[in-house]
Amino acid sequence: MQTSLRYSGDSKALRIHAKEKFPIDSKTHLQVQGELDTRTGVPNNFCAMIRHSYHDLFTSLGVGMRYDKRDKVRYTLRGKKSFLVTNDDSVNFVIKGRYDVDQEFKGEVRRSC
């Protein structure tokens, strides 16, 4: 399990973040992660997602749902694509994206970097 302590100026509280990956097969895993606000003692968010890797295409996709204390339950679709810059894999360019919808499949949120 991966754990970390995070501090955000927005909430002015220390948060405990944890993530665990449970393998399903060689290219697929269940990823569960959550965050606990130490000031209030309640979870900020929780996410469960099935992630699948396409190693030959340098791509991964994920589908799941997440709970956020502001948005409540949302469905999530994530993707990540790597482009090699050098032939020896020492430098690459990565594009990530996420698409969220609410329980009624409205109010989409798109994020990319």
C-alpha atoms as a PDB file:
ATOM      1  CA  MET A   1       0.000   0.000   0.000  1.00  0.00           C
ATOM      2  CA  GLN A   2       1.236   3.454  -0.877  1.00  0.00           C
ATOM      3  CA  THR A   3       0.547   6.130   1.732  1.00  0.00           C
ATOM      4  CA  SER A   4       1.419   9.791   1.882  1.00  0.00           C
ATOM      5  CA  LEU A   5       0.739  12.860   3.978  1.00  0.00           C
ATOM      6  CA  ARG A   6      -0.519  15.857   2.020  1.00  0.00           C
ATOM      7  CA  TYR A   7      -1.066  19.447   3.059  1.00  0.00           C
ATOM      8  CA  SER A   8      -3.162  21.838   1.039  1.00  0.00           C
ATOM      9  CA  GLY A   9      -3.417  25.554   1.621  1.00  0.00           C
ATOM     10  CA  ASP A  10      -7.084  25.393   0.605  1.00  0.00           C
ATOM     11  CA  SER A  11      -8.239  23.205   3.477  1.00  0.00           C
ATOM     12  CA  LYS A  12      -5.448  24.121   5.920  1.00  0.00           C
ATOM     13  CA  ALA A  13      -5.447  20.538   7.158  1.00  0.00           C
ATOM     14  CA  LEU A  14      -3.169  17.551   6.880  1.00  0.00           C
ATOM     15  CA  ARG A  15      -4.625  14.724   4.790  1.00  0.00           C
ATOM     16  CA  ILE A  16      -3.679  11.040   4.793  1.00  0.00           C
ATOM     17  CA  HIS A  17      -3.761   9.543   1.287  1.00  0.00           C
ATOM     18  CA  ALA A  18      -3.598   5.789   0.612  1.00  0.00           C
ATOM     19  CA  LYS A  19      -3.611   3.765  -2.620  1.00  0.00           C
ATOM     20  CA  GLU A  20      -3.577   0.021  -3.238  1.00  0.00           C
ATOM     21  CA  LYS A  21      -3.502  -1.969  -6.482  1.00  0.00           C
ATOM     22  CA  PHE A  22      -4.974  -5.488  -6.548  1.00  0.00           C
ATOM     23  CA  PRO A  23      -3.867  -7.508  -9.607  1.00  0.00           C
ATOM     24  CA  ILE A  24      -6.576  -9.184 -11.681  1.00  0.00           C
ATOM     25  CA  ASP A  25      -4.326 -10.435 -14.479  1.00  0.00           C
ATOM     26  CA  SER A  26      -0.988  -9.424 -15.993  1.00  0.00           C
ATOM     27  CA  LYS A  27      -2.406  -6.277 -17.640  1.00  0.00           C
ATOM     28  CA  THR A  28      -5.402  -5.433 -15.416  1.00  0.00           C
ATOM     29  CA  HIS A  29      -5.715  -4.373 -11.793  1.00  0.00           C
ATOM     30  CA  LEU A  30      -8.258  -2.932  -9.378  1.00  0.00           C
ATOM     31  CA  GLN A  31      -6.990   0.351  -7.971  1.00  0.00           C
ATOM     32  CA  VAL A  32      -8.505   1.643  -4.718  1.00  0.00           C
ATOM     33  CA  GLN A  33      -7.510   4.961  -3.210  1.00  0.00           C
ATOM     34  CA  GLY A  34      -8.824   7.301  -0.556  1.00  0.00           C
ATOM     35  CA  GLU A  35      -8.031  10.372   1.448  1.00  0.00           C
ATOM     36  CA  LEU A  36      -8.830  11.220   5.068  1.00  0.00           C
ATOM     37  CA  ASP A  37      -8.944  14.782   6.424  1.00  0.00           C
ATOM     38  CA  THR A  38      -7.238  14.772   9.840  1.00  0.00           C
ATOM     39  CA  ARG A  39      -8.972  17.999  10.937  1.00  0.00           C
ATOM     40  CA  THR A  40     -12.519  16.657  10.540  1.00  0.00           C
ATOM     41  CA  GLY A  41     -11.827  12.910  10.645  1.00  0.00           C
ATOM     42  CA  VAL A  42     -14.012  12.215   7.598  1.00  0.00           C
ATOM     43  CA  PRO A  43     -12.950  10.942   4.165  1.00  0.00           C
ATOM     44  CA  ASN A  44     -12.451  13.616   1.481  1.00  0.00           C
ATOM     45  CA  ASN A  45     -12.686  11.167  -1.385  1.00  0.00           C
ATOM     46  CA  PHE A  46     -12.637   7.498  -2.277  1.00  0.00           C
ATOM     47  CA  CYS A  47     -12.108   5.936  -5.704  1.00  0.00           C
ATOM     48  CA  ALA A  48     -12.336   2.377  -7.044  1.00  0.00           C
ATOM     49  CA  MET A  49     -11.249   1.820 -10.632  1.00  0.00           C
ATOM     50  CA  ILE A  50     -10.427  -1.032 -13.005  1.00  0.00           C
ATOM     51  CA  ARG A  51      -7.251  -0.124 -14.919  1.00  0.00           C
ATOM     52  CA  HIS A  52      -5.998  -1.950 -18.004  1.00  0.00           C
ATOM     53  CA  SER A  53      -2.585  -1.455 -19.618  1.00  0.00           C
ATOM     54  CA  TYR A  54      -1.783  -1.859 -23.285  1.00  0.00           C
ATOM     55  CA  HIS A  55       2.004  -2.169 -23.004  1.00  0.00           C
ATOM     56  CA  ASP A  56       2.624  -2.514 -26.738  1.00  0.00           C
ATOM     57  CA  LEU A  57       0.814   0.823 -27.339  1.00  0.00           C
ATOM     58  CA  PHE A  58       2.228   2.583 -24.226  1.00  0.00           C
ATOM     59  CA  THR A  59      -1.383   3.244 -23.162  1.00  0.00           C
ATOM     60  CA  SER A  60      -3.591   2.619 -20.131  1.00  0.00           C
ATOM     61  CA  LEU A  61      -7.342   3.037 -19.607  1.00  0.00           C
ATOM     62  CA  GLY A  62      -9.389   3.077 -16.428  1.00  0.00           C
ATOM     63  CA  VAL A  63     -13.105   2.947 -15.628  1.00  0.00           C
ATOM     64  CA  GLY A  64     -14.574   3.359 -12.175  1.00  0.00           C
ATOM     65  CA  MET A  65     -16.445   5.461  -9.694  1.00  0.00           C
ATOM     66  CA  ARG A  66     -15.411   7.900  -7.030  1.00  0.00           C
ATOM     67  CA  TYR A  67     -16.961   9.557  -4.010  1.00  0.00           C
ATOM     68  CA  ASP A  68     -16.085  13.158  -3.267  1.00  0.00           C
ATOM     69  CA  LYS A  69     -17.494  15.035  -0.280  1.00  0.00           C
ATOM     70  CA  ARG A  70     -18.506  17.927  -2.572  1.00  0.00           C
ATOM     71  CA  ASP A  71     -19.687  16.114  -5.726  1.00  0.00           C
ATOM     72  CA  LYS A  72     -20.849  12.895  -4.028  1.00  0.00           C
ATOM     73  CA  VAL A  73     -20.731   9.919  -6.463  1.00  0.00           C
ATOM     74  CA  ARG A  74     -19.252  10.363  -9.934  1.00  0.00           C
ATOM     75  CA  TYR A  75     -18.319   7.913 -12.684  1.00  0.00           C
ATOM     76  CA  THR A  76     -14.824   8.273 -14.103  1.00  0.00           C
ATOM     77  CA  LEU A  77     -13.039   7.354 -17.319  1.00  0.00           C
ATOM     78  CA  ARG A  78      -9.245   7.856 -17.395  1.00  0.00           C
ATOM     79  CA  GLY A  79      -6.626   7.448 -20.063  1.00  0.00           C
ATOM     80  CA  LYS A  80      -2.873   7.848 -20.366  1.00  0.00           C
ATOM     81  CA  LYS A  81      -0.702   7.667 -23.482  1.00  0.00           C
ATOM     82  CA  SER A  82       3.104   7.812 -23.662  1.00  0.00           C
ATOM     83  CA  PHE A  83       5.044   8.848 -26.738  1.00  0.00           C
ATOM     84  CA  LEU A  84       8.722   7.907 -26.918  1.00  0.00           C
ATOM     85  CA  VAL A  85      11.058  10.792 -27.719  1.00  0.00           C
ATOM     86  CA  THR A  86      14.247   8.711 -27.789  1.00  0.00           C
ATOM     87  CA  ASN A  87      14.793   5.139 -28.944  1.00  0.00           C
ATOM     88  CA  ASP A  88      16.217   3.965 -25.601  1.00  0.00           C
ATOM     89  CA  ASP A  89      13.063   4.877 -23.557  1.00  0.00           C
ATOM     90  CA  SER A  90      15.003   7.437 -21.501  1.00  0.00           C
ATOM     91  CA  VAL A  91      12.764  10.375 -22.530  1.00  0.00           C
ATOM     92  CA  ASN A  92       9.045  10.239 -23.239  1.00  0.00           C
ATOM     93  CA  PHE A  93       6.054  12.580 -23.506  1.00  0.00           C
ATOM     94  CA  VAL A  94       2.916  11.641 -21.528  1.00  0.00           C
ATOM     95  CA  ILE A  95      -0.668  12.816 -22.109  1.00  0.00           C
ATOM     96  CA  LYS A  96      -3.301  12.149 -19.426  1.00  0.00           C
ATOM     97  CA  GLY A  97      -7.034  12.773 -19.479  1.00  0.00           C
ATOM     98  CA  ARG A  98     -10.064  12.226 -17.282  1.00  0.00           C
ATOM     99  CA  TYR A  99     -13.794  12.496 -17.940  1.00  0.00           C
ATOM    100  CA  ASP A 100     -16.278  12.533 -15.027  1.00  0.00           C
ATOM    101  CA  VAL A 101     -20.079  12.435 -15.017  1.00  0.00           C
ATOM    102  CA  ASP A 102     -22.554  12.493 -12.139  1.00  0.00           C
ATOM    103  CA  GLN A 103     -25.150   9.849 -11.279  1.00  0.00           C
ATOM    104  CA  GLU A 104     -27.579  11.151 -13.921  1.00  0.00           C
ATOM    105  CA  PHE A 105     -24.773  11.268 -16.513  1.00  0.00           C
ATOM    106  CA  LYS A 106     -24.879  15.080 -16.465  1.00  0.00           C
ATOM    107  CA  GLY A 107     -22.388  17.669 -15.335  1.00  0.00           C
ATOM    108  CA  GLU A 108     -19.362  16.318 -17.109  1.00  0.00           C
ATOM    109  CA  VAL A 109     -15.911  17.411 -15.979  1.00  0.00           C
ATOM    110  CA  ARG A 110     -12.979  17.039 -18.348  1.00  0.00           C
ATOM    111  CA  ARG A 111      -9.390  17.283 -17.220  1.00  0.00           C
ATOM    112  CA  SER A 112      -6.232  16.787 -19.213  1.00  0.00           C
ATOM    113  CA  CYS A 113      -2.556  17.497 -18.978  1.00  0.00           C
END
